[in-house]
Amino acid sequence: MIEPDFLRTTRTAYDAMAARYAELFADGLEDFPLDRAMLGAFAAFVRADGGGPVADLGCGPGHVTALLDSLGLDASGVDLSPEMIAIARAARPDLRFEVGSMTALDLADGTLSGAMARYSIIHTPPEQLPRICAEFHRVLAPGGHLLIAFQAHDDPSELAESFDHKVALAYRWSPDGVVALLTEAGFTEKARLVRAPMADERPFPHAHVLLTRT
């Protein structure tokens, strides 16, 4: 199968700045209480349903994977960038980290109790997003939970708006549009948080959506 150009471009860009990225986000989410609250809710739902494996999809240097582990989840990480995965493995050798793509995850059907895609879809061309939504559905067990986060925009007539991200071309997404695609893929929305940007963030709202695989 021929790899899409956007995957090669994104991998190369993140490989080149992996060390700097890891340094910038070394404190995890200490200054993001609302983000941590949604992660806590996600973890609580997974634990309440008996636990099981959870994948941090687009895990970068593994700082949020480690947070999921601290919340009592059997967490592992997947990222497109080999350099990011090398940093994650060095920082947390007790956790599992693998190179992979959300377009074709190396996971058997229905093996996950939870999946998180925290800002991992932002470099995805809009026409590719349904494919990724289908992968989320495929790898999650029935009743499994998905937490997805992304920069948002408020025009419901447009699924995505591109913006000049510091690493590679990126997209802001309509929360309603993303939820509609995930609903078509077989998910039910449980909760949604749209927060204002923090002081050091670009002036965009940020959406966090919690869903369950039906």
N, C-alpha and C. Protein backbone atom coordinates (compact mmCIF):
# COMPACT_ATOMS: atom_id res chain seq x y z
N MET A 1 0.84 -1.19 0.00
CA MET A 1 0.00 0.00 0.00
C MET A 1 0.88 1.25 0.00
N ILE A 2 0.57 2.22 -0.86
CA ILE A 2 1.35 3.46 -0.93
C ILE A 2 0.96 4.36 0.25
N GLU A 3 1.97 4.84 0.96
CA GLU A 3 1.71 5.69 2.12
C GLU A 3 1.29 7.08 1.65
N PRO A 4 0.23 7.64 2.24
CA PRO A 4 -0.19 8.99 1.87
C PRO A 4 0.90 10.01 2.16
N ASP A 5 0.97 11.05 1.32
CA ASP A 5 1.99 12.07 1.47
C ASP A 5 1.93 12.75 2.84
N PHE A 6 0.72 12.96 3.38
CA PHE A 6 0.63 13.70 4.64
C PHE A 6 1.27 12.94 5.78
N LEU A 7 1.30 11.61 5.72
CA LEU A 7 1.97 10.84 6.76
C LEU A 7 3.48 11.02 6.70
N ARG A 8 4.04 10.97 5.50
CA ARG A 8 5.48 11.16 5.36
C ARG A 8 5.90 12.57 5.81
N THR A 9 5.12 13.55 5.40
CA THR A 9 5.43 14.93 5.77
C THR A 9 5.36 15.14 7.28
N THR A 10 4.32 14.61 7.89
CA THR A 10 4.14 14.76 9.34
C THR A 10 5.24 14.03 10.10
N ARG A 11 5.56 12.81 9.68
CA ARG A 11 6.62 12.05 10.35
C ARG A 11 7.95 12.79 10.30
N THR A 12 8.32 13.26 9.12
CA THR A 12 9.59 13.96 8.95
C THR A 12 9.66 15.21 9.83
N ALA A 13 8.56 15.96 9.87
CA ALA A 13 8.53 17.20 10.65
C ALA A 13 8.68 16.92 12.14
N TYR A 14 7.98 15.90 12.65
CA TYR A 14 8.06 15.61 14.08
C TYR A 14 9.36 14.92 14.45
N ASP A 15 9.91 14.11 13.57
CA ASP A 15 11.23 13.55 13.84
C ASP A 15 12.26 14.65 14.04
N ALA A 16 12.17 15.69 13.23
CA ALA A 16 13.17 16.76 13.26
C ALA A 16 13.12 17.58 14.55
N MET A 17 11.95 17.65 15.19
CA MET A 17 11.87 18.48 16.40
C MET A 17 11.41 17.70 17.63
N ALA A 18 11.62 16.39 17.60
CA ALA A 18 11.14 15.54 18.70
C ALA A 18 11.74 15.93 20.05
N ALA A 19 13.06 16.17 20.10
CA ALA A 19 13.71 16.50 21.37
C ALA A 19 13.17 17.80 21.93
N ARG A 20 13.00 18.81 21.08
CA ARG A 20 12.47 20.09 21.53
C ARG A 20 11.03 19.95 22.00
N TYR A 21 10.23 19.19 21.27
CA TYR A 21 8.84 18.95 21.65
C TYR A 21 8.75 18.31 23.03
N ALA A 22 9.58 17.29 23.25
CA ALA A 22 9.57 16.60 24.54
C ALA A 22 9.95 17.55 25.67
N GLU A 23 10.87 18.44 25.40
CA GLU A 23 11.29 19.42 26.41
C GLU A 23 10.17 20.39 26.74
N LEU A 24 9.45 20.84 25.71
CA LEU A 24 8.37 21.80 25.91
C LEU A 24 7.22 21.23 26.74
N PHE A 25 6.96 19.92 26.58
CA PHE A 25 5.81 19.32 27.25
C PHE A 25 6.20 18.39 28.39
N ALA A 26 7.39 18.63 28.94
CA ALA A 26 7.90 17.74 29.98
C ALA A 26 7.05 17.76 31.25
N ASP A 27 6.33 18.86 31.50
CA ASP A 27 5.53 18.94 32.72
C ASP A 27 4.14 18.33 32.57
N GLY A 28 3.94 17.59 31.49
CA GLY A 28 2.64 16.96 31.30
C GLY A 28 1.55 18.00 31.11
N LEU A 29 0.48 17.91 31.89
CA LEU A 29 -0.65 18.84 31.75
C LEU A 29 -0.88 19.61 33.05
N GLU A 30 0.19 19.91 33.73
CA GLU A 30 0.10 20.56 35.04
C GLU A 30 -0.70 21.87 34.98
N ASP A 31 -0.56 22.62 33.90
CA ASP A 31 -1.22 23.92 33.78
C ASP A 31 -2.53 23.86 33.00
N PHE A 32 -3.06 22.65 32.78
CA PHE A 32 -4.28 22.49 31.98
C PHE A 32 -5.32 21.69 32.77
N PRO A 33 -5.92 22.31 33.78
CA PRO A 33 -6.84 21.55 34.66
C PRO A 33 -8.07 21.00 33.94
N LEU A 34 -8.59 21.71 32.95
CA LEU A 34 -9.77 21.21 32.24
C LEU A 34 -9.41 19.99 31.39
N ASP A 35 -8.25 20.03 30.75
CA ASP A 35 -7.79 18.87 29.99
C ASP A 35 -7.61 17.67 30.90
N ARG A 36 -7.02 17.91 32.07
CA ARG A 36 -6.82 16.82 33.03
C ARG A 36 -8.16 16.27 33.51
N ALA A 37 -9.15 17.15 33.65
CA ALA A 37 -10.47 16.69 34.10
C ALA A 37 -11.09 15.74 33.08
N MET A 38 -10.96 16.04 31.80
CA MET A 38 -11.50 15.14 30.78
C MET A 38 -10.73 13.82 30.74
N LEU A 39 -9.42 13.88 30.93
CA LEU A 39 -8.65 12.65 31.02
C LEU A 39 -9.08 11.83 32.23
N GLY A 40 -9.35 12.50 33.34
CA GLY A 40 -9.82 11.80 34.53
C GLY A 40 -11.16 11.13 34.32
N ALA A 41 -12.06 11.81 33.61
CA ALA A 41 -13.37 11.22 33.31
C ALA A 41 -13.22 10.01 32.40
N PHE A 42 -12.39 10.15 31.37
CA PHE A 42 -12.11 9.03 30.47
C PHE A 42 -11.58 7.83 31.25
N ALA A 43 -10.60 8.06 32.11
CA ALA A 43 -10.03 6.97 32.91
C ALA A 43 -11.08 6.34 33.83
N ALA A 44 -11.94 7.17 34.41
CA ALA A 44 -12.97 6.65 35.32
C ALA A 44 -13.94 5.74 34.57
N PHE A 45 -14.34 6.12 33.36
CA PHE A 45 -15.25 5.28 32.57
C PHE A 45 -14.58 3.95 32.22
N VAL A 46 -13.32 3.99 31.82
CA VAL A 46 -12.63 2.74 31.48
C VAL A 46 -12.52 1.84 32.70
N ARG A 47 -12.13 2.40 33.85
CA ARG A 47 -12.00 1.59 35.06
C ARG A 47 -13.34 1.03 35.49
N ALA A 48 -14.40 1.83 35.39
CA ALA A 48 -15.74 1.38 35.80
C ALA A 48 -16.23 0.21 34.97
N ASP A 49 -15.75 0.12 33.73
CA ASP A 49 -16.14 -0.98 32.85
C ASP A 49 -15.17 -2.16 32.91
N GLY A 50 -14.34 -2.18 33.94
CA GLY A 50 -13.46 -3.32 34.17
C GLY A 50 -12.03 -3.14 33.72
N GLY A 51 -11.68 -1.94 33.25
CA GLY A 51 -10.31 -1.71 32.81
C GLY A 51 -10.04 -2.38 31.48
N GLY A 52 -8.78 -2.69 31.26
CA GLY A 52 -8.37 -3.27 29.98
C GLY A 52 -7.40 -2.34 29.28
N PRO A 53 -6.82 -2.78 28.18
CA PRO A 53 -5.79 -1.98 27.51
C PRO A 53 -6.34 -0.69 26.90
N VAL A 54 -5.52 0.35 27.01
CA VAL A 54 -5.85 1.67 26.48
C VAL A 54 -4.68 2.14 25.64
N ALA A 55 -4.95 2.70 24.47
CA ALA A 55 -3.89 3.18 23.59
C ALA A 55 -3.96 4.70 23.47
N ASP A 56 -2.81 5.34 23.65
CA ASP A 56 -2.64 6.77 23.41
C ASP A 56 -2.15 6.90 21.97
N LEU A 57 -3.04 7.29 21.08
CA LEU A 57 -2.76 7.28 19.64
C LEU A 57 -2.26 8.65 19.21
N GLY A 58 -1.01 8.69 18.77
CA GLY A 58 -0.34 9.96 18.55
C GLY A 58 0.27 10.44 19.85
N CYS A 59 0.99 9.54 20.52
CA CYS A 59 1.44 9.77 21.89
C CYS A 59 2.62 10.72 22.01
N GLY A 60 3.29 11.03 20.90
CA GLY A 60 4.47 11.89 21.00
C GLY A 60 5.50 11.30 21.93
N PRO A 61 6.09 12.12 22.82
CA PRO A 61 7.12 11.62 23.73
C PRO A 61 6.56 10.87 24.94
N GLY A 62 5.26 10.61 24.95
CA GLY A 62 4.69 9.74 25.98
C GLY A 62 4.30 10.38 27.28
N HIS A 63 4.27 11.71 27.33
CA HIS A 63 3.97 12.37 28.61
C HIS A 63 2.53 12.14 29.06
N VAL A 64 1.59 12.09 28.10
CA VAL A 64 0.19 11.85 28.49
C VAL A 64 -0.07 10.35 28.67
N THR A 65 0.66 9.52 27.94
CA THR A 65 0.58 8.07 28.19
C THR A 65 0.94 7.79 29.65
N ALA A 66 1.99 8.45 30.13
CA ALA A 66 2.41 8.27 31.52
C ALA A 66 1.33 8.75 32.48
N LEU A 67 0.63 9.83 32.12
CA LEU A 67 -0.46 10.31 32.96
C LEU A 67 -1.60 9.30 33.01
N LEU A 68 -1.93 8.70 31.87
CA LEU A 68 -2.96 7.65 31.87
C LEU A 68 -2.55 6.49 32.77
N ASP A 69 -1.27 6.12 32.73
CA ASP A 69 -0.77 5.08 33.62
C ASP A 69 -0.96 5.47 35.08
N SER A 70 -0.69 6.72 35.41
CA SER A 70 -0.84 7.18 36.80
C SER A 70 -2.30 7.18 37.24
N LEU A 71 -3.23 7.20 36.27
CA LEU A 71 -4.66 7.16 36.59
C LEU A 71 -5.19 5.73 36.67
N GLY A 72 -4.29 4.76 36.65
CA GLY A 72 -4.67 3.38 36.86
C GLY A 72 -5.03 2.62 35.61
N LEU A 73 -4.64 3.12 34.44
CA LEU A 73 -4.97 2.45 33.19
C LEU A 73 -3.78 1.65 32.66
N ASP A 74 -4.09 0.58 31.95
CA ASP A 74 -3.08 -0.23 31.27
C ASP A 74 -2.78 0.46 29.94
N ALA A 75 -1.92 1.49 30.00
CA ALA A 75 -1.75 2.39 28.87
C ALA A 75 -0.50 2.07 28.05
N SER A 76 -0.64 2.21 26.75
CA SER A 76 0.48 2.11 25.83
C SER A 76 0.36 3.25 24.83
N GLY A 77 1.44 3.49 24.07
CA GLY A 77 1.44 4.60 23.13
C GLY A 77 1.81 4.19 21.73
N VAL A 78 1.23 4.89 20.76
CA VAL A 78 1.54 4.69 19.34
C VAL A 78 1.80 6.06 18.73
N ASP A 79 2.85 6.17 17.93
CA ASP A 79 3.11 7.44 17.26
C ASP A 79 3.74 7.20 15.91
N LEU A 80 3.50 8.13 15.00
CA LEU A 80 4.02 8.05 13.64
C LEU A 80 5.54 8.27 13.60
N SER A 81 6.06 9.03 14.56
CA SER A 81 7.46 9.45 14.55
C SER A 81 8.36 8.48 15.32
N PRO A 82 9.31 7.83 14.67
CA PRO A 82 10.25 6.97 15.39
C PRO A 82 11.07 7.72 16.44
N GLU A 83 11.39 8.98 16.16
CA GLU A 83 12.16 9.75 17.14
C GLU A 83 11.34 10.01 18.40
N MET A 84 10.07 10.31 18.24
CA MET A 84 9.20 10.48 19.41
C MET A 84 9.12 9.19 20.21
N ILE A 85 8.97 8.07 19.53
CA ILE A 85 8.86 6.79 20.22
C ILE A 85 10.16 6.46 20.96
N ALA A 86 11.30 6.78 20.37
CA ALA A 86 12.58 6.54 21.05
C ALA A 86 12.66 7.35 22.35
N ILE A 87 12.21 8.59 22.33
CA ILE A 87 12.22 9.43 23.53
C ILE A 87 11.26 8.86 24.57
N ALA A 88 10.08 8.45 24.13
CA ALA A 88 9.09 7.89 25.06
C ALA A 88 9.61 6.62 25.72
N ARG A 89 10.23 5.75 24.95
CA ARG A 89 10.77 4.50 25.52
C ARG A 89 11.89 4.77 26.51
N ALA A 90 12.73 5.76 26.23
CA ALA A 90 13.82 6.08 27.14
C ALA A 90 13.29 6.67 28.45
N ALA A 91 12.24 7.49 28.35
CA ALA A 91 11.69 8.14 29.53
C ALA A 91 10.88 7.18 30.40
N ARG A 92 10.14 6.26 29.76
CA ARG A 92 9.28 5.33 30.51
C ARG A 92 9.46 3.92 29.96
N PRO A 93 10.58 3.27 30.30
CA PRO A 93 10.82 1.92 29.78
C PRO A 93 9.84 0.88 30.30
N ASP A 94 9.08 1.23 31.32
CA ASP A 94 8.08 0.31 31.87
C ASP A 94 6.79 0.30 31.06
N LEU A 95 6.62 1.26 30.15
CA LEU A 95 5.42 1.32 29.33
C LEU A 95 5.73 0.87 27.90
N ARG A 96 4.69 0.52 27.16
CA ARG A 96 4.85 0.03 25.79
C ARG A 96 4.61 1.16 24.80
N PHE A 97 5.56 1.35 23.89
CA PHE A 97 5.46 2.37 22.85
C PHE A 97 5.83 1.75 21.52
N GLU A 98 5.01 2.01 20.49
CA GLU A 98 5.25 1.44 19.17
C GLU A 98 5.07 2.51 18.10
N VAL A 99 5.85 2.39 17.02
CA VAL A 99 5.67 3.25 15.85
C VAL A 99 4.46 2.73 15.07
N GLY A 100 3.58 3.64 14.67
CA GLY A 100 2.41 3.22 13.91
C GLY A 100 1.60 4.41 13.45
N SER A 101 0.60 4.15 12.62
CA SER A 101 -0.25 5.19 12.06
C SER A 101 -1.71 4.93 12.41
N MET A 102 -2.44 5.97 12.72
CA MET A 102 -3.86 5.84 13.00
C MET A 102 -4.66 5.42 11.78
N THR A 103 -4.08 5.53 10.59
CA THR A 103 -4.78 5.10 9.38
C THR A 103 -4.82 3.59 9.24
N ALA A 104 -3.91 2.89 9.93
CA ALA A 104 -3.84 1.42 9.85
C ALA A 104 -3.10 0.92 11.08
N LEU A 105 -3.80 0.83 12.18
CA LEU A 105 -3.18 0.45 13.45
C LEU A 105 -2.86 -1.04 13.47
N ASP A 106 -1.71 -1.37 14.05
CA ASP A 106 -1.29 -2.76 14.17
C ASP A 106 -1.90 -3.36 15.43
N LEU A 107 -3.22 -3.38 15.47
CA LEU A 107 -3.98 -3.89 16.60
C LEU A 107 -5.12 -4.74 16.07
N ALA A 108 -5.38 -5.83 16.76
CA ALA A 108 -6.49 -6.69 16.36
C ALA A 108 -7.83 -6.02 16.63
N ASP A 109 -8.85 -6.46 15.93
CA ASP A 109 -10.19 -5.91 16.10
C ASP A 109 -10.65 -6.06 17.55
N GLY A 110 -11.23 -4.99 18.09
CA GLY A 110 -11.90 -5.06 19.39
C GLY A 110 -11.00 -5.35 20.57
N THR A 111 -9.72 -4.98 20.49
CA THR A 111 -8.79 -5.34 21.57
C THR A 111 -8.63 -4.26 22.63
N LEU A 112 -9.11 -3.05 22.38
CA LEU A 112 -8.91 -1.95 23.32
C LEU A 112 -10.17 -1.65 24.13
N SER A 113 -9.95 -1.31 25.39
CA SER A 113 -11.05 -0.81 26.22
C SER A 113 -11.16 0.71 26.12
N GLY A 114 -10.08 1.35 25.70
CA GLY A 114 -10.08 2.80 25.55
C GLY A 114 -9.04 3.24 24.55
N ALA A 115 -9.31 4.36 23.91
CA ALA A 115 -8.35 4.97 22.99
C ALA A 115 -8.42 6.47 23.17
N MET A 116 -7.26 7.09 23.11
CA MET A 116 -7.20 8.54 23.20
C MET A 116 -6.46 9.08 21.98
N ALA A 117 -7.00 10.12 21.37
CA ALA A 117 -6.33 10.79 20.26
C ALA A 117 -6.29 12.28 20.61
N ARG A 118 -5.26 12.64 21.34
CA ARG A 118 -5.13 14.01 21.86
C ARG A 118 -4.32 14.84 20.87
N TYR A 119 -5.02 15.68 20.10
CA TYR A 119 -4.42 16.53 19.08
C TYR A 119 -3.70 15.71 18.00
N SER A 120 -4.08 14.46 17.84
CA SER A 120 -3.43 13.59 16.87
C SER A 120 -4.06 13.68 15.48
N ILE A 121 -5.27 14.22 15.38
CA ILE A 121 -5.92 14.28 14.07
C ILE A 121 -5.65 15.61 13.36
N ILE A 122 -4.92 16.52 14.00
CA ILE A 122 -4.87 17.88 13.48
C ILE A 122 -4.11 17.99 12.15
N HIS A 123 -3.24 17.04 11.83
CA HIS A 123 -2.51 17.07 10.56
C HIS A 123 -3.17 16.19 9.49
N THR A 124 -4.36 15.71 9.77
CA THR A 124 -5.06 14.81 8.87
C THR A 124 -5.90 15.59 7.86
N PRO A 125 -5.69 15.40 6.57
CA PRO A 125 -6.57 16.04 5.60
C PRO A 125 -8.02 15.61 5.84
N PRO A 126 -8.96 16.52 5.70
CA PRO A 126 -10.36 16.18 6.03
C PRO A 126 -10.89 14.94 5.33
N GLU A 127 -10.47 14.68 4.09
CA GLU A 127 -10.98 13.51 3.38
C GLU A 127 -10.48 12.19 3.98
N GLN A 128 -9.42 12.27 4.81
CA GLN A 128 -8.86 11.07 5.44
C GLN A 128 -9.48 10.78 6.81
N LEU A 129 -10.20 11.75 7.38
CA LEU A 129 -10.69 11.57 8.74
C LEU A 129 -11.69 10.41 8.88
N PRO A 130 -12.61 10.19 7.93
CA PRO A 130 -13.50 9.02 8.10
C PRO A 130 -12.73 7.71 8.20
N ARG A 131 -11.63 7.58 7.49
CA ARG A 131 -10.80 6.36 7.58
C ARG A 131 -10.26 6.17 8.99
N ILE A 132 -9.84 7.25 9.63
CA ILE A 132 -9.31 7.17 10.98
C ILE A 132 -10.43 6.87 11.97
N CYS A 133 -11.59 7.49 11.78
CA CYS A 133 -12.74 7.18 12.65
C CYS A 133 -13.09 5.69 12.58
N ALA A 134 -13.02 5.13 11.39
CA ALA A 134 -13.30 3.70 11.23
C ALA A 134 -12.26 2.85 11.96
N GLU A 135 -10.99 3.28 11.96
CA GLU A 135 -9.95 2.55 12.69
C GLU A 135 -10.20 2.61 14.19
N PHE A 136 -10.60 3.78 14.70
CA PHE A 136 -10.94 3.88 16.12
C PHE A 136 -12.02 2.84 16.47
N HIS A 137 -13.04 2.76 15.63
CA HIS A 137 -14.13 1.83 15.89
C HIS A 137 -13.65 0.38 15.81
N ARG A 138 -12.80 0.10 14.85
CA ARG A 138 -12.34 -1.28 14.65
C ARG A 138 -11.55 -1.81 15.85
N VAL A 139 -10.66 -0.99 16.41
CA VAL A 139 -9.77 -1.49 17.46
C VAL A 139 -10.40 -1.45 18.84
N LEU A 140 -11.48 -0.71 19.01
CA LEU A 140 -12.14 -0.66 20.32
C LEU A 140 -13.16 -1.79 20.44
N ALA A 141 -13.24 -2.36 21.63
CA ALA A 141 -14.27 -3.35 21.92
C ALA A 141 -15.62 -2.64 22.06
N PRO A 142 -16.73 -3.35 21.84
CA PRO A 142 -18.04 -2.75 22.09
C PRO A 142 -18.11 -2.19 23.50
N GLY A 143 -18.57 -0.95 23.63
CA GLY A 143 -18.60 -0.29 24.93
C GLY A 143 -17.31 0.41 25.30
N GLY A 144 -16.28 0.27 24.45
CA GLY A 144 -15.01 0.94 24.71
C GLY A 144 -15.14 2.45 24.57
N HIS A 145 -14.22 3.16 25.16
CA HIS A 145 -14.31 4.62 25.25
C HIS A 145 -13.23 5.30 24.42
N LEU A 146 -13.60 6.42 23.81
CA LEU A 146 -12.70 7.22 22.99
C LEU A 146 -12.70 8.65 23.50
N LEU A 147 -11.50 9.20 23.71
CA LEU A 147 -11.36 10.61 24.04
C LEU A 147 -10.54 11.26 22.93
N ILE A 148 -11.10 12.28 22.30
CA ILE A 148 -10.44 12.94 21.19
C ILE A 148 -10.39 14.44 21.49
N ALA A 149 -9.26 15.07 21.19
CA ALA A 149 -9.09 16.50 21.44
C ALA A 149 -8.45 17.15 20.21
N PHE A 150 -8.82 18.41 19.97
CA PHE A 150 -8.32 19.11 18.79
C PHE A 150 -8.61 20.61 18.92
N GLN A 151 -7.85 21.41 18.18
CA GLN A 151 -8.19 22.82 18.03
C GLN A 151 -9.49 22.92 17.24
N ALA A 152 -10.36 23.82 17.66
CA ALA A 152 -11.71 23.85 17.10
C ALA A 152 -11.99 25.19 16.40
N HIS A 153 -13.02 25.18 15.58
CA HIS A 153 -13.59 26.41 15.04
C HIS A 153 -15.10 26.31 15.18
N ASP A 154 -15.79 27.43 14.99
CA ASP A 154 -17.22 27.46 15.31
C ASP A 154 -18.12 27.64 14.10
N ASP A 155 -17.63 27.29 12.90
CA ASP A 155 -18.48 27.35 11.70
C ASP A 155 -19.00 25.95 11.40
N PRO A 156 -20.24 25.65 11.76
CA PRO A 156 -20.76 24.29 11.56
C PRO A 156 -20.88 23.87 10.11
N SER A 157 -20.80 24.84 9.19
CA SER A 157 -20.93 24.49 7.77
C SER A 157 -19.62 23.97 7.18
N GLU A 158 -18.51 24.10 7.92
CA GLU A 158 -17.20 23.65 7.44
C GLU A 158 -16.63 22.63 8.42
N LEU A 159 -16.27 21.46 7.93
CA LEU A 159 -15.68 20.45 8.80
C LEU A 159 -14.34 20.90 9.33
N ALA A 160 -13.50 21.47 8.48
CA ALA A 160 -12.14 21.81 8.87
C ALA A 160 -11.71 23.14 8.28
N GLU A 161 -10.83 23.82 9.00
CA GLU A 161 -10.17 25.03 8.53
C GLU A 161 -8.68 24.86 8.75
N SER A 162 -7.89 25.05 7.72
CA SER A 162 -6.44 24.88 7.87
C SER A 162 -5.84 26.07 8.61
N PHE A 163 -4.72 25.82 9.28
CA PHE A 163 -3.98 26.91 9.91
C PHE A 163 -2.49 26.57 9.88
N ASP A 164 -1.68 27.59 10.07
CA ASP A 164 -0.24 27.45 9.95
C ASP A 164 0.35 26.99 11.27
N HIS A 165 0.36 25.68 11.46
CA HIS A 165 0.93 25.08 12.66
C HIS A 165 2.45 25.22 12.61
N LYS A 166 3.10 25.26 13.78
CA LYS A 166 4.56 25.43 13.83
C LYS A 166 5.31 24.24 13.26
N VAL A 167 4.69 23.05 13.23
CA VAL A 167 5.39 21.85 12.79
C VAL A 167 5.03 21.51 11.34
N ALA A 168 3.75 21.41 11.04
CA ALA A 168 3.29 21.04 9.69
C ALA A 168 1.87 21.57 9.52
N LEU A 169 1.42 21.60 8.27
CA LEU A 169 0.06 22.06 7.99
C LEU A 169 -0.92 21.34 8.89
N ALA A 170 -1.83 22.10 9.49
CA ALA A 170 -2.78 21.51 10.43
C ALA A 170 -4.18 22.05 10.18
N TYR A 171 -5.14 21.40 10.84
CA TYR A 171 -6.55 21.75 10.65
C TYR A 171 -7.22 21.93 11.99
N ARG A 172 -8.05 22.98 12.07
CA ARG A 172 -9.01 23.11 13.17
C ARG A 172 -10.31 22.45 12.70
N TRP A 173 -11.01 21.86 13.66
CA TRP A 173 -12.18 21.06 13.30
C TRP A 173 -13.45 21.60 13.95
N SER A 174 -14.55 21.42 13.25
CA SER A 174 -15.86 21.68 13.83
C SER A 174 -16.20 20.55 14.80
N PRO A 175 -16.43 20.85 16.08
CA PRO A 175 -16.81 19.77 17.00
C PRO A 175 -18.04 19.00 16.53
N ASP A 176 -19.04 19.72 16.03
CA ASP A 176 -20.24 19.03 15.53
C ASP A 176 -19.89 18.13 14.35
N GLY A 177 -19.01 18.61 13.46
CA GLY A 177 -18.63 17.81 12.30
C GLY A 177 -17.87 16.56 12.67
N VAL A 178 -16.95 16.68 13.62
CA VAL A 178 -16.19 15.51 14.06
C VAL A 178 -17.11 14.50 14.74
N VAL A 179 -17.99 14.99 15.59
CA VAL A 179 -18.93 14.08 16.27
C VAL A 179 -19.84 13.40 15.25
N ALA A 180 -20.25 14.12 14.22
CA ALA A 180 -21.10 13.51 13.19
C ALA A 180 -20.37 12.37 12.49
N LEU A 181 -19.10 12.56 12.16
CA LEU A 181 -18.33 11.49 11.52
C LEU A 181 -18.17 10.30 12.45
N LEU A 182 -17.90 10.56 13.72
CA LEU A 182 -17.74 9.46 14.68
C LEU A 182 -19.06 8.75 14.93
N THR A 183 -20.16 9.48 14.91
CA THR A 183 -21.48 8.85 15.04
C THR A 183 -21.74 7.92 13.86
N GLU A 184 -21.40 8.38 12.66
CA GLU A 184 -21.55 7.53 11.47
C GLU A 184 -20.67 6.29 11.56
N ALA A 185 -19.51 6.41 12.23
CA ALA A 185 -18.59 5.29 12.37
C ALA A 185 -19.02 4.31 13.46
N GLY A 186 -20.00 4.69 14.28
CA GLY A 186 -20.50 3.77 15.29
C GLY A 186 -20.20 4.18 16.72
N PHE A 187 -20.13 5.49 16.99
CA PHE A 187 -19.89 5.98 18.34
C PHE A 187 -21.08 6.79 18.83
N THR A 188 -21.19 6.87 20.16
CA THR A 188 -22.18 7.71 20.81
C THR A 188 -21.47 8.72 21.70
N GLU A 189 -21.81 9.98 21.54
CA GLU A 189 -21.17 11.03 22.36
C GLU A 189 -21.67 10.95 23.79
N LYS A 190 -20.73 11.06 24.75
CA LYS A 190 -21.07 11.08 26.17
C LYS A 190 -20.91 12.47 26.77
N ALA A 191 -19.86 13.19 26.35
CA ALA A 191 -19.59 14.50 26.94
C ALA A 191 -18.72 15.29 25.99
N ARG A 192 -18.83 16.62 26.12
CA ARG A 192 -18.03 17.50 25.28
C ARG A 192 -17.60 18.71 26.10
N LEU A 193 -16.35 19.08 25.98
CA LEU A 193 -15.82 20.29 26.62
C LEU A 193 -15.16 21.14 25.53
N VAL A 194 -15.57 22.38 25.41
CA VAL A 194 -14.89 23.32 24.54
C VAL A 194 -14.39 24.45 25.43
N ARG A 195 -13.09 24.60 25.50
CA ARG A 195 -12.51 25.60 26.40
C ARG A 195 -11.83 26.71 25.60
N ALA A 196 -11.67 27.85 26.25
CA ALA A 196 -10.93 28.96 25.66
C ALA A 196 -9.44 28.63 25.65
N PRO A 197 -8.68 29.27 24.76
CA PRO A 197 -7.23 29.02 24.76
C PRO A 197 -6.57 29.55 26.02
N MET A 198 -5.51 28.87 26.44
CA MET A 198 -4.70 29.35 27.54
C MET A 198 -3.80 30.48 27.05
N ALA A 199 -3.13 31.14 27.98
CA ALA A 199 -2.38 32.35 27.65
C ALA A 199 -1.31 32.12 26.60
N ASP A 200 -0.66 30.95 26.61
CA ASP A 200 0.45 30.71 25.69
C ASP A 200 0.04 29.90 24.46
N GLU A 201 -1.26 29.73 24.24
CA GLU A 201 -1.75 28.98 23.10
C GLU A 201 -2.21 29.93 21.99
N ARG A 202 -2.29 29.37 20.77
CA ARG A 202 -2.87 30.13 19.66
C ARG A 202 -4.31 30.50 20.02
N PRO A 203 -4.84 31.60 19.47
CA PRO A 203 -6.17 32.08 19.89
C PRO A 203 -7.32 31.29 19.28
N PHE A 204 -7.32 29.98 19.53
CA PHE A 204 -8.37 29.10 19.03
C PHE A 204 -9.01 28.39 20.22
N PRO A 205 -10.30 28.10 20.15
CA PRO A 205 -10.89 27.21 21.16
C PRO A 205 -10.36 25.79 21.01
N HIS A 206 -10.48 25.03 22.08
CA HIS A 206 -10.00 23.65 22.10
C HIS A 206 -11.16 22.75 22.51
N ALA A 207 -11.39 21.69 21.73
CA ALA A 207 -12.50 20.77 21.99
C ALA A 207 -11.98 19.43 22.49
N HIS A 208 -12.68 18.88 23.48
CA HIS A 208 -12.40 17.54 24.02
C HIS A 208 -13.73 16.81 24.00
N VAL A 209 -13.78 15.67 23.33
CA VAL A 209 -15.03 14.94 23.19
C VAL A 209 -14.82 13.50 23.67
N LEU A 210 -15.72 13.05 24.53
CA LEU A 210 -15.69 11.69 25.05
C LEU A 210 -16.84 10.91 24.43
N LEU A 211 -16.52 9.74 23.85
CA LEU A 211 -17.52 8.94 23.15
C LEU A 211 -17.38 7.47 23.54
N THR A 212 -18.42 6.72 23.25
CA THR A 212 -18.42 5.28 23.50
C THR A 212 -18.71 4.54 22.19
N ARG A 213 -17.98 3.45 21.97
CA ARG A 213 -18.22 2.63 20.80
C ARG A 213 -19.48 1.80 20.99
N THR A 214 -20.38 1.89 20.02
CA THR A 214 -21.64 1.14 20.12
C THR A 214 -21.49 -0.22 19.44
